[in-house]
N, C-alpha and C. Protein backbone atom coordinates (compact mmCIF):
# COMPACT_ATOMS: atom_id res chain seq x y z
N MET A 1 0.82 -1.09 -0.44
CA MET A 1 -0.03 0.18 0.13
C MET A 1 0.74 1.64 0.11
N PRO A 2 0.30 2.34 -0.41
CA PRO A 2 1.07 3.37 -0.38
C PRO A 2 1.47 3.99 -0.23
N ILE A 3 1.89 5.27 0.56
CA ILE A 3 2.69 5.98 1.75
C ILE A 3 1.13 6.89 2.16
N GLU A 4 0.34 7.05 0.83
CA GLU A 4 -0.47 8.50 0.20
C GLU A 4 -2.17 7.64 1.49
N PHE A 5 -1.77 6.63 1.06
CA PHE A 5 -3.31 5.48 2.09
C PHE A 5 -3.18 5.96 3.39
N TRP A 6 -2.30 5.34 4.06
CA TRP A 6 -1.34 5.54 5.17
C TRP A 6 -2.08 6.70 5.44
N ILE A 7 -1.34 7.99 5.15
CA ILE A 7 -1.47 9.35 5.66
C ILE A 7 -2.93 9.74 5.58
N PHE A 8 -3.86 9.60 4.12
CA PHE A 8 -5.18 9.81 4.64
C PHE A 8 -5.83 8.71 6.08
N LEU A 9 -5.53 8.28 6.19
CA LEU A 9 -6.33 6.72 6.20
C LEU A 9 -6.01 7.50 8.13
N TRP A 10 -4.77 8.44 8.40
CA TRP A 10 -4.44 8.18 10.20
C TRP A 10 -5.23 10.11 9.96
N GLN A 11 -5.32 11.29 8.76
CA GLN A 11 -5.76 11.95 8.90
C GLN A 11 -7.09 11.79 9.45
N ALA A 12 -7.92 10.97 8.44
CA ALA A 12 -9.14 10.72 9.24
C ALA A 12 -9.29 10.09 9.71
N LEU A 13 -8.74 8.76 10.90
CA LEU A 13 -8.98 9.04 12.29
C LEU A 13 -9.02 9.49 12.99
N LEU A 14 -8.32 10.85 13.03
CA LEU A 14 -8.10 11.61 13.94
C LEU A 14 -9.00 13.00 14.11
N ILE A 15 -9.09 13.20 12.29
CA ILE A 15 -10.32 13.98 11.80
C ILE A 15 -11.69 13.10 13.11
N LEU A 16 -11.59 12.10 13.01
CA LEU A 16 -12.52 12.20 12.68
C LEU A 16 -12.62 11.34 14.50
N ALA A 17 -11.70 11.32 14.89
CA ALA A 17 -11.63 11.03 16.61
C ALA A 17 -11.92 12.56 17.44
N LEU A 18 -11.41 14.03 16.63
CA LEU A 18 -11.49 15.07 17.04
C LEU A 18 -12.78 15.46 16.99
N ILE A 19 -13.01 15.15 15.97
CA ILE A 19 -15.23 15.21 16.50
C ILE A 19 -16.13 14.53 17.26
N LEU A 20 -15.34 13.67 16.93
CA LEU A 20 -17.17 13.03 18.21
C LEU A 20 -16.29 13.21 19.71
N PHE A 21 -14.57 13.43 19.88
CA PHE A 21 -14.37 14.37 21.11
C PHE A 21 -15.23 14.98 21.51
N ALA A 22 -15.24 16.17 20.15
CA ALA A 22 -15.93 17.35 20.18
C ALA A 22 -17.89 17.60 21.12
N ILE A 23 -18.59 16.35 20.08
CA ILE A 23 -19.63 15.87 20.35
C ILE A 23 -19.90 15.76 22.19
N MET A 24 -19.09 14.27 21.89
CA MET A 24 -19.67 14.06 23.54
C MET A 24 -18.78 15.78 24.93
N ALA A 25 -17.83 16.70 24.59
CA ALA A 25 -17.54 17.16 25.37
C ALA A 25 -18.95 18.47 25.27
N VAL A 26 -19.72 18.29 24.42
CA VAL A 26 -19.90 19.67 23.97
C VAL A 26 -21.85 18.74 25.29
N VAL A 27 -22.12 17.36 25.12
CA VAL A 27 -23.20 16.43 25.46
C VAL A 27 -22.89 16.28 27.03
N VAL A 28 -21.61 16.95 27.25
CA VAL A 28 -21.63 16.48 29.17
C VAL A 28 -21.41 17.93 29.19
N THR A 29 -20.99 18.43 29.31
CA THR A 29 -21.83 20.33 29.43
C THR A 29 -22.80 20.38 29.82
N ILE A 30 -23.62 19.74 28.58
CA ILE A 30 -25.34 20.49 28.89
C ILE A 30 -25.58 19.63 29.39
N GLY A 31 -25.14 17.97 29.80
CA GLY A 31 -26.11 16.87 31.23
C GLY A 31 -26.15 17.79 32.00
N GLY A 32 -24.41 18.29 32.29
CA GLY A 32 -23.86 18.46 33.83
C GLY A 32 -24.69 20.00 34.29
N ALA A 33 -24.50 20.44 33.37
CA ALA A 33 -26.01 21.86 33.70
C ALA A 33 -27.79 22.06 34.01
N VAL A 34 -27.52 20.91 33.40
CA VAL A 34 -29.18 20.15 33.29
C VAL A 34 -29.05 19.73 34.49
N ASP A 35 -28.26 18.91 35.32
CA ASP A 35 -28.25 17.72 36.42
C ASP A 35 -27.79 19.39 38.10
N ILE A 36 -26.72 20.59 37.57
CA ILE A 36 -26.82 21.29 38.61
C ILE A 36 -28.19 21.81 39.11
N VAL A 37 -28.42 21.60 37.73
CA VAL A 37 -29.41 22.67 37.86
C VAL A 37 -30.42 22.21 38.53
N ARG A 38 -30.93 20.85 38.53
CA ARG A 38 -31.83 19.79 39.15
C ARG A 38 -31.48 19.92 40.94
N LEU A 39 -29.98 19.25 40.87
CA LEU A 39 -29.79 19.56 42.17
C LEU A 39 -30.03 21.44 43.20
N LEU A 40 -29.43 22.52 42.37
CA LEU A 40 -29.98 23.03 43.01
C LEU A 40 -31.42 23.19 43.25
N ARG A 41 -32.82 23.48 41.89
CA ARG A 41 -33.80 23.08 41.85
C ARG A 41 -34.81 22.43 43.99
N THR A 42 -33.79 20.85 43.44
CA THR A 42 -34.13 20.09 45.10
C THR A 42 -33.72 20.39 46.32
N LEU A 43 -32.72 21.13 45.58
CA LEU A 43 -31.95 21.40 47.48
C LEU A 43 -32.72 23.42 48.02
N ARG A 44 -33.98 23.36 46.59
CA ARG A 44 -34.13 24.75 47.45
C ARG A 44 -35.98 24.46 47.74
N GLU A 45 -36.59 23.02 47.20
CA GLU A 45 -37.51 22.20 47.70
C GLU A 45 -36.89 21.91 48.90
N GLU A 46 -36.14 21.20 49.29
CA GLU A 46 -36.19 20.66 50.90
C GLU A 46 -35.65 21.97 51.76
N HIS A 47 -35.20 22.72 51.43
CA HIS A 47 -34.37 23.57 52.24
C HIS A 47 -36.66 24.54 52.05
N ALA A 48 -36.87 25.27 51.55
CA ALA A 48 -38.02 25.60 52.12
C ALA A 48 -39.51 24.37 52.62
N ARG A 49 -39.15 23.09 52.44
CA ARG A 49 -39.44 22.31 52.89
C ARG A 49 -39.81 22.34 54.85
N SER A 50 -38.07 22.28 54.27
CA SER A 50 -37.74 21.48 55.78
C SER A 50 -38.11 23.75 57.29
N VAL A 51 -37.99 24.44 56.06
CA VAL A 51 -38.16 25.93 56.63
C VAL A 51 -40.11 25.84 57.68
N ALA A 52 -40.62 25.34 56.74
CA ALA A 52 -41.81 25.07 56.75
C ALA A 52 -42.19 24.59 57.83
N ASP A 53 -41.72 23.75 58.13
CA ASP A 53 -41.65 22.24 58.62
C ASP A 53 -41.33 22.36 60.12
N LYS A 54 -40.37 23.76 60.03
CA LYS A 54 -39.89 24.19 61.97
C LYS A 54 -40.22 24.99 61.83
N GLN A 55 -40.59 25.68 61.61
CA GLN A 55 -41.95 27.04 61.66
C GLN A 55 -43.12 25.86 62.21
N ASP A 56 -43.84 25.00 61.93
CA ASP A 56 -45.03 24.22 62.69
C ASP A 56 -44.81 23.44 63.74
N THR A 57 -43.37 23.39 63.42
CA THR A 57 -43.08 22.87 64.35
C THR A 57 -42.28 23.77 65.94
N ASP A 58 -42.17 24.18 65.22
CA ASP A 58 -41.15 25.07 66.48
C ASP A 58 -42.78 25.76 67.06
N THR A 59 -42.49 24.94 68.87
CA THR A 59 -43.60 25.66 69.27
C THR A 59 -42.85 26.55 70.88
N PHE A 60 -42.23 26.27 70.71
CA PHE A 60 -40.76 26.37 73.08
C PHE A 60 -41.26 27.77 72.27
N VAL A 61 -40.53 28.57 72.14
CA VAL A 61 -40.40 29.73 71.48
C VAL A 61 -40.77 30.46 70.33
N ASN A 62 -41.94 31.20 69.91
CA ASN A 62 -42.74 31.39 68.87
C ASN A 62 -42.66 33.36 68.96
N ARG A 63 -44.01 33.55 67.58
CA ARG A 63 -43.22 35.21 68.57
C ARG A 63 -45.62 34.91 69.01
N GLU A 64 -45.85 34.71 68.80
CA GLU A 64 -46.94 33.64 70.29
C GLU A 64 -46.75 33.92 71.58
N ASN A 65 -45.68 33.52 71.43
CA ASN A 65 -45.03 33.13 73.48
C ASN A 65 -44.73 34.29 73.79
N LEU A 66 -44.64 35.19 72.84
CA LEU A 66 -43.59 35.75 74.30
C LEU A 66 -44.02 37.28 73.93
């Protein structure tokens, strides 16, 4: 096989690998951003729920007892 074939083959494989890497980097970045948004939303909801629960169960000292 001529050397030009091997040069073309390795160039094509390198370009293909770089394209696949770029696609995977974009997919992982978008997926990670979506996960972070979900995490922050869940934390906000849990915090709001715990604050509401604490206000409901906090009968020792509250504004009505002062």
